C-alpha atoms as a PDB file:
ATOM      1  CA  MET A   1      16.521  41.293 234.165  1.00  0.00           C
ATOM      2  CA  LYS A   2      15.676  44.850 234.159  1.00  0.00           C
ATOM      3  CA  ASN A   3      18.134  47.317 233.302  1.00  0.00           C
ATOM      4  CA  LEU A   4      16.998  50.965 234.649  1.00  0.00           C
ATOM      5  CA  THR A   5      18.684  54.176 235.275  1.00  0.00           C
ATOM      6  CA  ALA A   6      17.936  55.855 238.783  1.00  0.00           C
ATOM      7  CA  HIS A   7      18.377  59.663 239.035  1.00  0.00           C
ATOM      8  CA  SER A   8      18.090  61.578 242.130  1.00  0.00           C
ATOM      9  CA  LYS A   9      14.565  63.079 243.033  1.00  0.00           C
ATOM     10  CA  HIS A  10      16.530  66.342 243.665  1.00  0.00           C
ATOM     11  CA  ASP A  11      18.188  66.477 240.163  1.00  0.00           C
ATOM     12  CA  HIS A  12      16.557  69.554 239.180  1.00  0.00           C
ATOM     13  CA  GLU A  13      17.455  71.212 242.658  1.00  0.00           C
ATOM     14  CA  THR A  14      21.087  69.744 242.436  1.00  0.00           C
ATOM     15  CA  ALA A  15      21.499  71.327 238.942  1.00  0.00           C
ATOM     16  CA  HIS A  16      20.312  74.666 240.038  1.00  0.00           C
ATOM     17  CA  SER A  17      22.710  74.566 243.193  1.00  0.00           C
ATOM     18  CA  HIS A  18      25.601  73.530 241.002  1.00  0.00           C
ATOM     19  CA  MET A  19      24.897  76.612 238.801  1.00  0.00           C
ATOM     20  CA  HIS A  20      24.472  78.819 241.670  1.00  0.00           C
ATOM     21  CA  HIS A  21      28.194  77.760 242.950  1.00  0.00           C
ATOM     22  CA  HIS A  22      29.467  78.043 239.647  1.00  0.00           C
ATOM     23  CA  THR A  23      28.449  81.443 239.006  1.00  0.00           C
ATOM     24  CA  THR A  24      29.839  82.399 242.664  1.00  0.00           C
ATOM     25  CA  ASN A  25      33.175  80.962 242.006  1.00  0.00           C
ATOM     26  CA  GLN A  26      33.302  82.336 238.378  1.00  0.00           C
ATOM     27  CA  ASN A  27      32.866  85.980 239.701  1.00  0.00           C
ATOM     28  CA  ALA A  28      35.359  85.534 242.639  1.00  0.00           C
ATOM     29  CA  LEU A  29      37.892  84.300 240.227  1.00  0.00           C
ATOM     30  CA  LEU A  30      37.569  86.971 237.777  1.00  0.00           C
ATOM     31  CA  ILE A  31      37.622  89.900 240.202  1.00  0.00           C
ATOM     32  CA  SER A  32      40.602  88.061 241.854  1.00  0.00           C
ATOM     33  CA  PHE A  33      42.427  87.698 238.541  1.00  0.00           C
ATOM     34  CA  LEU A  34      41.811  91.464 237.736  1.00  0.00           C
ATOM     35  CA  ILE A  35      43.169  92.506 241.263  1.00  0.00           C
ATOM     36  CA  ILE A  36      46.228  90.219 240.971  1.00  0.00           C
ATOM     37  CA  PHE A  37      47.022  91.051 237.452  1.00  0.00           C
ATOM     38  CA  VAL A  38      47.040  94.885 238.148  1.00  0.00           C
ATOM     39  CA  PHE A  39      49.389  94.609 241.454  1.00  0.00           C
ATOM     40  CA  MET A  40      51.735  92.145 239.519  1.00  0.00           C
ATOM     41  CA  ILE A  41      52.577  95.140 236.954  1.00  0.00           C
ATOM     42  CA  VAL A  42      52.884  97.536 239.875  1.00  0.00           C
ATOM     43  CA  GLU A  43      55.371  95.029 241.650  1.00  0.00           C
ATOM     44  CA  ALA A  44      57.142  94.381 238.582  1.00  0.00           C
ATOM     45  CA  VAL A  45      57.528  98.300 237.868  1.00  0.00           C
ATOM     46  CA  GLY A  46      58.555  98.956 241.357  1.00  0.00           C
ATOM     47  CA  GLY A  47      61.057  96.228 241.642  1.00  0.00           C
ATOM     48  CA  TYR A  48      62.661  97.422 238.323  1.00  0.00           C
ATOM     49  CA  LEU A  49      62.794 101.039 239.664  1.00  0.00           C
ATOM     50  CA  SER A  50      64.393 100.125 242.662  1.00  0.00           C
ATOM     51  CA  GLY A  51      66.585  97.359 241.543  1.00  0.00           C
ATOM     52  CA  SER A  52      64.999  94.936 244.069  1.00  0.00           C
ATOM     53  CA  LEU A  53      65.328  91.357 242.831  1.00  0.00           C
ATOM     54  CA  ALA A  54      63.373  90.255 245.311  1.00  0.00           C
ATOM     55  CA  LEU A  55      60.393  92.112 244.250  1.00  0.00           C
ATOM     56  CA  ILE A  56      60.746  91.193 240.421  1.00  0.00           C
ATOM     57  CA  SER A  57      61.006  87.614 241.873  1.00  0.00           C
ATOM     58  CA  ASP A  58      57.736  88.167 243.716  1.00  0.00           C
ATOM     59  CA  ALA A  59      56.311  89.728 240.793  1.00  0.00           C
ATOM     60  CA  GLY A  60      56.968  86.299 238.738  1.00  0.00           C
ATOM     61  CA  HIS A  61      55.182  84.610 241.598  1.00  0.00           C
ATOM     62  CA  MET A  62      52.221  86.850 241.046  1.00  0.00           C
ATOM     63  CA  LEU A  63      52.363  86.284 237.431  1.00  0.00           C
ATOM     64  CA  SER A  64      51.801  82.402 238.198  1.00  0.00           C
ATOM     65  CA  ASP A  65      48.982  83.399 240.533  1.00  0.00           C
ATOM     66  CA  ALA A  66      47.407  85.604 237.416  1.00  0.00           C
ATOM     67  CA  VAL A  67      47.829  82.470 235.255  1.00  0.00           C
ATOM     68  CA  SER A  68      46.399  80.125 237.870  1.00  0.00           C
ATOM     69  CA  LEU A  69      43.498  82.301 238.382  1.00  0.00           C
ATOM     70  CA  GLY A  70      42.808  83.061 234.735  1.00  0.00           C
ATOM     71  CA  MET A  71      42.921  79.187 233.909  1.00  0.00           C
ATOM     72  CA  SER A  72      40.442  78.585 236.774  1.00  0.00           C
ATOM     73  CA  PHE A  73      38.129  81.090 235.574  1.00  0.00           C
ATOM     74  CA  THR A  74      38.426  79.672 232.103  1.00  0.00           C
ATOM     75  CA  ALA A  75      37.872  76.220 233.346  1.00  0.00           C
ATOM     76  CA  ILE A  76      34.493  77.184 234.893  1.00  0.00           C
ATOM     77  CA  LEU A  77      33.384  79.153 232.243  1.00  0.00           C
ATOM     78  CA  ILE A  78      34.105  76.207 229.752  1.00  0.00           C
ATOM     79  CA  GLY A  79      32.544  73.515 232.164  1.00  0.00           C
ATOM     80  CA  ASN A  80      29.453  75.924 232.478  1.00  0.00           C
ATOM     81  CA  ARG A  81      28.635  76.589 229.094  1.00  0.00           C
ATOM     82  CA  ALA A  82      29.960  73.412 226.927  1.00  0.00           C
ATOM     83  CA  SER A  83      27.173  71.056 226.753  1.00  0.00           C
ATOM     84  CA  ALA A  84      27.547  67.433 226.606  1.00  0.00           C
ATOM     85  CA  ASN A  85      27.700  65.797 222.900  1.00  0.00           C
ATOM     86  CA  ASN A  86      27.931  62.486 221.483  1.00  0.00           C
ATOM     87  CA  ARG A  87      31.736  62.443 221.970  1.00  0.00           C
ATOM     88  CA  LYS A  88      32.081  63.982 225.533  1.00  0.00           C
ATOM     89  CA  THR A  89      28.944  62.746 227.235  1.00  0.00           C
ATOM     90  CA  PHE A  90      29.714  64.410 230.551  1.00  0.00           C
ATOM     91  CA  GLY A  91      30.389  67.455 228.450  1.00  0.00           C
ATOM     92  CA  TYR A  92      33.532  69.642 229.860  1.00  0.00           C
ATOM     93  CA  LYS A  93      33.112  69.303 233.435  1.00  0.00           C
ATOM     94  CA  ARG A  94      36.508  67.673 233.927  1.00  0.00           C
ATOM     95  CA  PHE A  95      38.122  70.792 232.326  1.00  0.00           C
ATOM     96  CA  GLU A  96      38.213  71.981 236.135  1.00  0.00           C
ATOM     97  CA  ILE A  97      40.164  69.069 237.444  1.00  0.00           C
ATOM     98  CA  LEU A  98      42.694  69.576 234.643  1.00  0.00           C
ATOM     99  CA  ALA A  99      43.067  73.128 235.598  1.00  0.00           C
ATOM    100  CA  ALA A 100      43.360  72.274 239.347  1.00  0.00           C
ATOM    101  CA  LEU A 101      46.165  69.676 238.131  1.00  0.00           C
ATOM    102  CA  PHE A 102      48.011  72.332 236.229  1.00  0.00           C
ATOM    103  CA  ASN A 103      47.822  74.869 239.280  1.00  0.00           C
ATOM    104  CA  GLY A 104      48.851  72.190 241.614  1.00  0.00           C
ATOM    105  CA  VAL A 105      51.938  71.284 239.457  1.00  0.00           C
ATOM    106  CA  LEU A 106      52.630  74.931 239.183  1.00  0.00           C
ATOM    107  CA  LEU A 107      52.702  75.386 242.875  1.00  0.00           C
ATOM    108  CA  PHE A 108      55.026  72.508 243.318  1.00  0.00           C
ATOM    109  CA  LEU A 109      57.539  73.728 240.567  1.00  0.00           C
ATOM    110  CA  ILE A 110      57.443  77.372 241.938  1.00  0.00           C
ATOM    111  CA  SER A 111      58.284  76.200 245.375  1.00  0.00           C
ATOM    112  CA  ILE A 112      61.163  74.164 244.295  1.00  0.00           C
ATOM    113  CA  TRP A 113      62.625  77.168 242.097  1.00  0.00           C
ATOM    114  CA  ILE A 114      62.275  79.330 245.123  1.00  0.00           C
ATOM    115  CA  ILE A 115      64.132  76.804 247.541  1.00  0.00           C
ATOM    116  CA  ILE A 116      66.984  76.564 244.866  1.00  0.00           C
ATOM    117  CA  GLU A 117      67.100  80.125 244.490  1.00  0.00           C
ATOM    118  CA  ALA A 118      67.138  80.654 248.420  1.00  0.00           C
ATOM    119  CA  ILE A 119      69.993  78.311 248.488  1.00  0.00           C
ATOM    120  CA  ALA A 120      71.704  80.181 245.999  1.00  0.00           C
ATOM    121  CA  ARG A 121      71.522  83.506 247.860  1.00  0.00           C
ATOM    122  CA  ILE A 122      72.850  82.110 251.053  1.00  0.00           C
ATOM    123  CA  ALA A 123      75.921  80.967 249.174  1.00  0.00           C
ATOM    124  CA  GLN A 124      76.070  84.225 247.402  1.00  0.00           C
ATOM    125  CA  PRO A 125      74.177  87.017 249.079  1.00  0.00           C
ATOM    126  CA  VAL A 126      72.317  89.629 247.183  1.00  0.00           C
ATOM    127  CA  THR A 127      71.953  93.495 248.254  1.00  0.00           C
ATOM    128  CA  ILE A 128      68.284  94.174 248.841  1.00  0.00           C
ATOM    129  CA  ALA A 129      66.747  97.643 248.809  1.00  0.00           C
ATOM    130  CA  SER A 130      64.877  96.850 252.359  1.00  0.00           C
ATOM    131  CA  GLY A 131      62.944 100.023 252.509  1.00  0.00           C
ATOM    132  CA  GLU A 132      61.221  99.606 249.069  1.00  0.00           C
ATOM    133  CA  MET A 133      60.721  95.847 249.621  1.00  0.00           C
ATOM    134  CA  MET A 134      58.711  96.479 252.759  1.00  0.00           C
ATOM    135  CA  ILE A 135      56.561  99.130 251.243  1.00  0.00           C
ATOM    136  CA  ILE A 136      55.572  96.891 248.302  1.00  0.00           C
ATOM    137  CA  ALA A 137      55.377  93.577 250.329  1.00  0.00           C
ATOM    138  CA  PHE A 138      53.027  95.458 252.604  1.00  0.00           C
ATOM    139  CA  ILE A 139      50.858  96.425 249.817  1.00  0.00           C
ATOM    140  CA  GLY A 140      51.224  93.055 248.497  1.00  0.00           C
ATOM    141  CA  LEU A 141      49.863  91.737 251.984  1.00  0.00           C
ATOM    142  CA  ILE A 142      46.678  93.804 251.815  1.00  0.00           C
ATOM    143  CA  VAL A 143      46.019  92.918 248.116  1.00  0.00           C
ATOM    144  CA  ASN A 144      46.374  89.155 248.861  1.00  0.00           C
ATOM    145  CA  VAL A 145      44.022  89.410 252.052  1.00  0.00           C
ATOM    146  CA  ILE A 146      41.551  91.117 249.955  1.00  0.00           C
ATOM    147  CA  VAL A 147      41.758  88.448 247.119  1.00  0.00           C
ATOM    148  CA  ALA A 148      41.817  85.499 249.619  1.00  0.00           C
ATOM    149  CA  LYS A 149      38.751  86.890 251.235  1.00  0.00           C
ATOM    150  CA  ILE A 150      36.882  87.200 247.780  1.00  0.00           C
ATOM    151  CA  LEU A 151      37.826  83.740 247.128  1.00  0.00           C
ATOM    152  CA  MET A 152      36.654  82.397 250.391  1.00  0.00           C
ATOM    153  CA  GLN A 153      33.078  83.492 249.278  1.00  0.00           C
ATOM    154  CA  GLY A 154      33.209  80.911 246.743  1.00  0.00           C
ATOM    155  CA  GLU A 155      33.034  77.058 247.315  1.00  0.00           C
ATOM    156  CA  LYS A 156      36.822  76.625 247.924  1.00  0.00           C
ATOM    157  CA  ASN A 157      35.865  73.671 250.282  1.00  0.00           C
ATOM    158  CA  ASP A 158      33.992  71.801 247.604  1.00  0.00           C
ATOM    159  CA  ASN A 159      35.593  72.996 244.419  1.00  0.00           C
ATOM    160  CA  LEU A 160      39.047  71.560 243.758  1.00  0.00           C
ATOM    161  CA  ASN A 161      39.681  74.270 241.135  1.00  0.00           C
ATOM    162  CA  VAL A 162      39.010  77.141 243.177  1.00  0.00           C
ATOM    163  CA  ARG A 163      40.698  75.510 246.053  1.00  0.00           C
ATOM    164  CA  SER A 164      43.792  75.196 243.943  1.00  0.00           C
ATOM    165  CA  ALA A 165      43.694  78.961 243.026  1.00  0.00           C
ATOM    166  CA  PHE A 166      42.945  79.796 246.530  1.00  0.00           C
ATOM    167  CA  LEU A 167      46.074  78.098 247.679  1.00  0.00           C
ATOM    168  CA  HIS A 168      48.268  80.151 245.067  1.00  0.00           C
ATOM    169  CA  VAL A 169      46.922  83.463 246.765  1.00  0.00           C
ATOM    170  CA  LEU A 170      47.301  82.122 250.232  1.00  0.00           C
ATOM    171  CA  GLY A 171      51.147  81.175 249.354  1.00  0.00           C
ATOM    172  CA  ASP A 172      51.470  84.582 248.021  1.00  0.00           C
ATOM    173  CA  LEU A 173      50.072  86.168 251.181  1.00  0.00           C
ATOM    174  CA  LEU A 174      52.485  83.954 253.170  1.00  0.00           C
ATOM    175  CA  GLY A 175      55.167  85.349 251.013  1.00  0.00           C
ATOM    176  CA  SER A 176      54.331  88.900 251.557  1.00  0.00           C
ATOM    177  CA  VAL A 177      54.359  88.330 255.373  1.00  0.00           C
ATOM    178  CA  GLY A 178      57.730  86.514 254.993  1.00  0.00           C
ATOM    179  CA  ALA A 179      58.900  89.532 253.015  1.00  0.00           C
ATOM    180  CA  ILE A 180      57.890  92.191 255.419  1.00  0.00           C
ATOM    181  CA  ALA A 181      59.595  90.298 258.297  1.00  0.00           C
ATOM    182  CA  ALA A 182      62.705  89.572 256.310  1.00  0.00           C
ATOM    183  CA  SER A 183      62.879  93.451 255.110  1.00  0.00           C
ATOM    184  CA  ALA A 184      62.578  94.321 258.820  1.00  0.00           C
ATOM    185  CA  LEU A 185      65.392  92.291 259.839  1.00  0.00           C
ATOM    186  CA  ILE A 186      67.520  93.716 257.003  1.00  0.00           C
ATOM    187  CA  MET A 187      66.697  96.985 257.783  1.00  0.00           C
ATOM    188  CA  PHE A 188      67.377  97.115 261.230  1.00  0.00           C
ATOM    189  CA  PHE A 189      69.898  94.303 261.963  1.00  0.00           C
ATOM    190  CA  GLY A 190      71.431  93.867 258.490  1.00  0.00           C
ATOM    191  CA  TRP A 191      70.564  90.157 258.433  1.00  0.00           C
ATOM    192  CA  GLY A 192      70.679  89.546 254.653  1.00  0.00           C
ATOM    193  CA  ILE A 193      70.281  86.013 255.066  1.00  0.00           C
ATOM    194  CA  ALA A 194      66.846  86.530 256.480  1.00  0.00           C
ATOM    195  CA  ASP A 195      65.185  86.978 253.021  1.00  0.00           C
ATOM    196  CA  PRO A 196      66.216  83.505 251.663  1.00  0.00           C
ATOM    197  CA  ILE A 197      65.548  81.706 255.007  1.00  0.00           C
ATOM    198  CA  ALA A 198      61.905  83.365 255.058  1.00  0.00           C
ATOM    199  CA  SER A 199      61.585  82.266 251.173  1.00  0.00           C
ATOM    200  CA  MET A 200      62.503  78.618 252.108  1.00  0.00           C
ATOM    201  CA  ILE A 201      60.022  78.397 254.903  1.00  0.00           C
ATOM    202  CA  VAL A 202      57.339  79.766 252.763  1.00  0.00           C
ATOM    203  CA  SER A 203      58.220  77.367 249.903  1.00  0.00           C
ATOM    204  CA  VAL A 204      57.809  74.387 252.042  1.00  0.00           C
ATOM    205  CA  ILE A 205      54.311  75.422 252.705  1.00  0.00           C
ATOM    206  CA  ILE A 206      53.555  76.115 249.226  1.00  0.00           C
ATOM    207  CA  LEU A 207      55.135  72.678 248.573  1.00  0.00           C
ATOM    208  CA  LYS A 208      52.695  70.734 250.554  1.00  0.00           C
ATOM    209  CA  SER A 209      49.846  72.698 249.211  1.00  0.00           C
ATOM    210  CA  GLY A 210      50.798  71.782 245.849  1.00  0.00           C
ATOM    211  CA  TRP A 211      51.271  68.317 246.619  1.00  0.00           C
ATOM    212  CA  SER A 212      47.711  68.282 248.286  1.00  0.00           C
ATOM    213  CA  VAL A 213      45.979  69.696 245.137  1.00  0.00           C
ATOM    214  CA  THR A 214      48.027  67.750 242.622  1.00  0.00           C
ATOM    215  CA  ARG A 215      47.093  64.346 244.420  1.00  0.00           C
ATOM    216  CA  ASP A 216      43.398  65.177 244.695  1.00  0.00           C
ATOM    217  CA  SER A 217      43.134  66.044 241.070  1.00  0.00           C
ATOM    218  CA  ILE A 218      44.914  62.769 240.105  1.00  0.00           C
ATOM    219  CA  ASN A 219      42.510  60.707 242.280  1.00  0.00           C
ATOM    220  CA  VAL A 220      39.530  62.261 240.357  1.00  0.00           C
ATOM    221  CA  LEU A 221      41.177  61.682 236.984  1.00  0.00           C
ATOM    222  CA  MET A 222      41.769  58.097 238.109  1.00  0.00           C
ATOM    223  CA  GLU A 223      38.109  57.952 239.022  1.00  0.00           C
ATOM    224  CA  ALA A 224      39.071  57.004 242.732  1.00  0.00           C
ATOM    225  CA  LYS A 225      36.259  56.903 245.342  1.00  0.00           C
ATOM    226  CA  PRO A 226      35.846  60.340 246.985  1.00  0.00           C
ATOM    227  CA  ASP A 227      37.418  60.630 250.394  1.00  0.00           C
ATOM    228  CA  ASN A 228      34.183  61.511 252.215  1.00  0.00           C
ATOM    229  CA  LEU A 229      32.243  58.761 251.066  1.00  0.00           C
ATOM    230  CA  ASP A 230      32.379  55.205 252.753  1.00  0.00           C
ATOM    231  CA  LEU A 231      32.052  52.361 249.966  1.00  0.00           C
ATOM    232  CA  ASP A 232      31.402  49.639 252.528  1.00  0.00           C
ATOM    233  CA  GLU A 233      28.742  51.675 254.387  1.00  0.00           C
ATOM    234  CA  ILE A 234      26.712  52.365 251.205  1.00  0.00           C
ATOM    235  CA  ARG A 235      26.952  48.869 250.057  1.00  0.00           C
ATOM    236  CA  ASN A 236      25.788  47.414 253.445  1.00  0.00           C
ATOM    237  CA  ARG A 237      22.900  49.914 253.486  1.00  0.00           C
ATOM    238  CA  MET A 238      21.812  49.014 250.071  1.00  0.00           C
ATOM    239  CA  THR A 239      22.059  45.194 250.844  1.00  0.00           C
ATOM    240  CA  THR A 240      19.675  45.668 253.915  1.00  0.00           C
ATOM    241  CA  LEU A 241      16.953  46.716 252.011  1.00  0.00           C
ATOM    242  CA  LYS A 242      14.068  44.378 251.706  1.00  0.00           C
ATOM    243  CA  GLY A 243      14.234  42.148 248.804  1.00  0.00           C
ATOM    244  CA  VAL A 244      17.753  42.795 247.906  1.00  0.00           C
ATOM    245  CA  ASN A 245      19.677  39.649 247.724  1.00  0.00           C
ATOM    246  CA  GLY A 246      23.199  41.183 246.853  1.00  0.00           C
ATOM    247  CA  ILE A 247      24.948  43.982 245.235  1.00  0.00           C
ATOM    248  CA  HIS A 248      28.206  43.763 242.719  1.00  0.00           C
ATOM    249  CA  ASP A 249      29.919  45.532 240.200  1.00  0.00           C
ATOM    250  CA  LEU A 250      29.900  48.832 242.599  1.00  0.00           C
ATOM    251  CA  HIS A 251      31.625  51.790 241.581  1.00  0.00           C
ATOM    252  CA  ILE A 252      31.586  55.356 242.909  1.00  0.00           C
ATOM    253  CA  TRP A 253      33.779  58.064 241.288  1.00  0.00           C
ATOM    254  CA  THR A 254      33.663  62.003 240.964  1.00  0.00           C
ATOM    255  CA  ILE A 255      32.918  63.640 237.566  1.00  0.00           C
ATOM    256  CA  THR A 256      34.068  67.181 238.939  1.00  0.00           C
ATOM    257  CA  SER A 257      33.990  69.019 242.226  1.00  0.00           C
ATOM    258  CA  GLY A 258      30.860  67.960 244.185  1.00  0.00           C
ATOM    259  CA  PHE A 259      29.180  65.812 241.363  1.00  0.00           C
ATOM    260  CA  PHE A 260      29.696  62.134 242.307  1.00  0.00           C
ATOM    261  CA  SER A 261      28.373  59.283 240.219  1.00  0.00           C
ATOM    262  CA  LEU A 262      27.639  55.820 241.061  1.00  0.00           C
ATOM    263  CA  SER A 263      27.011  52.506 239.173  1.00  0.00           C
ATOM    264  CA  CYS A 264      26.097  48.801 240.417  1.00  0.00           C
ATOM    265  CA  HIS A 265      24.336  45.719 239.798  1.00  0.00           C
ATOM    266  CA  LEU A 266      21.654  44.938 242.164  1.00  0.00           C
ATOM    267  CA  THR A 267      20.564  41.366 242.546  1.00  0.00           C
ATOM    268  CA  VAL A 268      16.745  41.051 243.979  1.00  0.00           C
ATOM    269  CA  GLU A 269      14.409  38.231 244.819  1.00  0.00           C
ATOM    270  CA  GLU A 270      11.761  36.847 242.642  1.00  0.00           C
ATOM    271  CA  GLY A 271       8.412  38.814 242.745  1.00  0.00           C
ATOM    272  CA  ILE A 272      10.199  42.048 244.076  1.00  0.00           C
ATOM    273  CA  ASN A 273       8.577  45.375 242.708  1.00  0.00           C
ATOM    274  CA  HIS A 274      11.765  46.711 240.647  1.00  0.00           C
ATOM    275  CA  ASP A 275      10.216  50.240 240.589  1.00  0.00           C
ATOM    276  CA  GLU A 276      10.138  50.219 244.545  1.00  0.00           C
ATOM    277  CA  ILE A 277      13.607  49.021 244.953  1.00  0.00           C
ATOM    278  CA  LEU A 278      14.500  51.626 242.768  1.00  0.00           C
ATOM    279  CA  ARG A 279      12.730  54.370 244.799  1.00  0.00           C
ATOM    280  CA  GLN A 280      14.264  53.089 248.099  1.00  0.00           C
ATOM    281  CA  VAL A 281      17.875  53.020 246.610  1.00  0.00           C
ATOM    282  CA  GLU A 282      17.776  56.614 245.080  1.00  0.00           C
ATOM    283  CA  GLN A 283      16.191  57.846 248.233  1.00  0.00           C
ATOM    284  CA  LEU A 284      19.183  56.077 250.003  1.00  0.00           C
ATOM    285  CA  LEU A 285      21.844  57.727 247.743  1.00  0.00           C
ATOM    286  CA  ALA A 286      20.332  61.043 247.695  1.00  0.00           C
ATOM    287  CA  GLY A 287      21.531  61.284 251.561  1.00  0.00           C
ATOM    288  CA  TYR A 288      25.147  61.022 250.064  1.00  0.00           C
ATOM    289  CA  HIS A 289      24.895  63.509 247.265  1.00  0.00           C
ATOM    290  CA  LEU A 290      25.287  60.872 244.754  1.00  0.00           C
ATOM    291  CA  ASP A 291      23.747  63.143 242.058  1.00  0.00           C
ATOM    292  CA  HIS A 292      23.938  60.643 239.135  1.00  0.00           C
ATOM    293  CA  SER A 293      23.478  57.038 239.592  1.00  0.00           C
ATOM    294  CA  THR A 294      23.101  53.863 237.387  1.00  0.00           C
ATOM    295  CA  ILE A 295      21.394  50.753 238.975  1.00  0.00           C
ATOM    296  CA  GLN A 296      21.168  47.624 236.894  1.00  0.00           C
ATOM    297  CA  ILE A 297      18.572  45.542 238.751  1.00  0.00           C
ATOM    298  CA  GLU A 298      18.887  41.286 238.068  1.00  0.00           C
ATOM    299  CA  SER A 299      16.869  38.640 239.512  1.00  0.00           C
ATOM    300  CA  VAL A 300      18.629  35.939 241.306  1.00  0.00           C
ATOM    301  CA  LYS A 301      18.184  33.654 238.375  1.00  0.00           C
ATOM    302  CA  PHE A 302      19.982  35.955 235.743  1.00  0.00           C
ATOM    303  CA  GLN A 303      23.278  34.394 234.671  1.00  0.00           C
ATOM    304  CA  GLY A 304      23.781  36.675 231.596  1.00  0.00           C
ATOM    305  CA  CYS A 305      25.996  39.619 233.027  1.00  0.00           C
ATOM    306  CA  HIS A 306      28.798  40.663 230.832  1.00  0.00           C
ATOM    307  CA  SER A 307      30.396  43.494 232.995  1.00  0.00           C
ATOM    308  CA  ASP A 308      32.946  43.039 235.694  1.00  0.00           C
ATOM    309  CA  CYS A 309      30.649  40.372 237.219  1.00  0.00           C
ATOM    310  CA  SER A 310      32.490  37.689 235.180  1.00  0.00           C
ATOM    311  CA  HIS A 311      34.911  37.258 238.064  1.00  0.00           C
ATOM    312  CA  GLN A 312      32.570  38.181 240.893  1.00  0.00           C
ATOM    313  CA  ARG A 313      29.897  36.121 242.553  1.00  0.00           C
ATOM    314  CA  HIS A 314      26.544  37.443 242.856  1.00  0.00           C
ATOM    315  CA  GLY A 315      24.857  37.777 246.268  1.00  0.00           C
END
């Protein structure tokens, strides 16, 4: 039996790529945080001076955006700079996932609160300063479009943490659109009920986004297989390599966004060159962006496996 660790040929390039993406995401989050935080203060002051509860509530939503962006920025900062140690052998890369989970739960709770508040307003309508509401909501729309564009320059499709922050801002953008439409209906037709109805529609969208981010974060923390990888396909391709007798104890999971890991036991025929098999396997795995892999190579005669193999058949 030969126990070997296989690393991708492109480890250096991959590390450089991760660092570049992290820097891009970090800058996008910091700029977005500053813009959102400043406008939150403007909106809160505007709501206080105009006596508009709707604007004060929206300022509260912006506060949650600022908290989300701030946490996301901190997560990437810590994940980048805190190196691995004897206690945390992968460093603090999972901090990003914890921040994404927090943001997802926060989105979920905010949407529930808005729905409850909207139902209360339908039962007991509140007088709204529609003119001030429209002006500040329109400014809010412009601010959120700018911030959303900044975040889109990051790796929001590959990075769960940036994606959760983006969804926060997208929810606020939809809220601004709803507030503009509601303020117009109130201003021209006196339909006060338009405000809570628009809030409920936006809340349902935010609720769906919050659930999606929360679910994906939990899947990463539970070390579930990445959705974009086919376990059976990878297993079948590995077993078709010449000299490979079978594969068992196969695990694929996500360390953090875009950083996948694999471990398995590979049973090979007698007399097979282990280094050559290892070279072929790592070449195969590189095509799936499996940046960190651990391959335990065993001969067909080896019977001393003490991993998950005790209840699995080799071959």
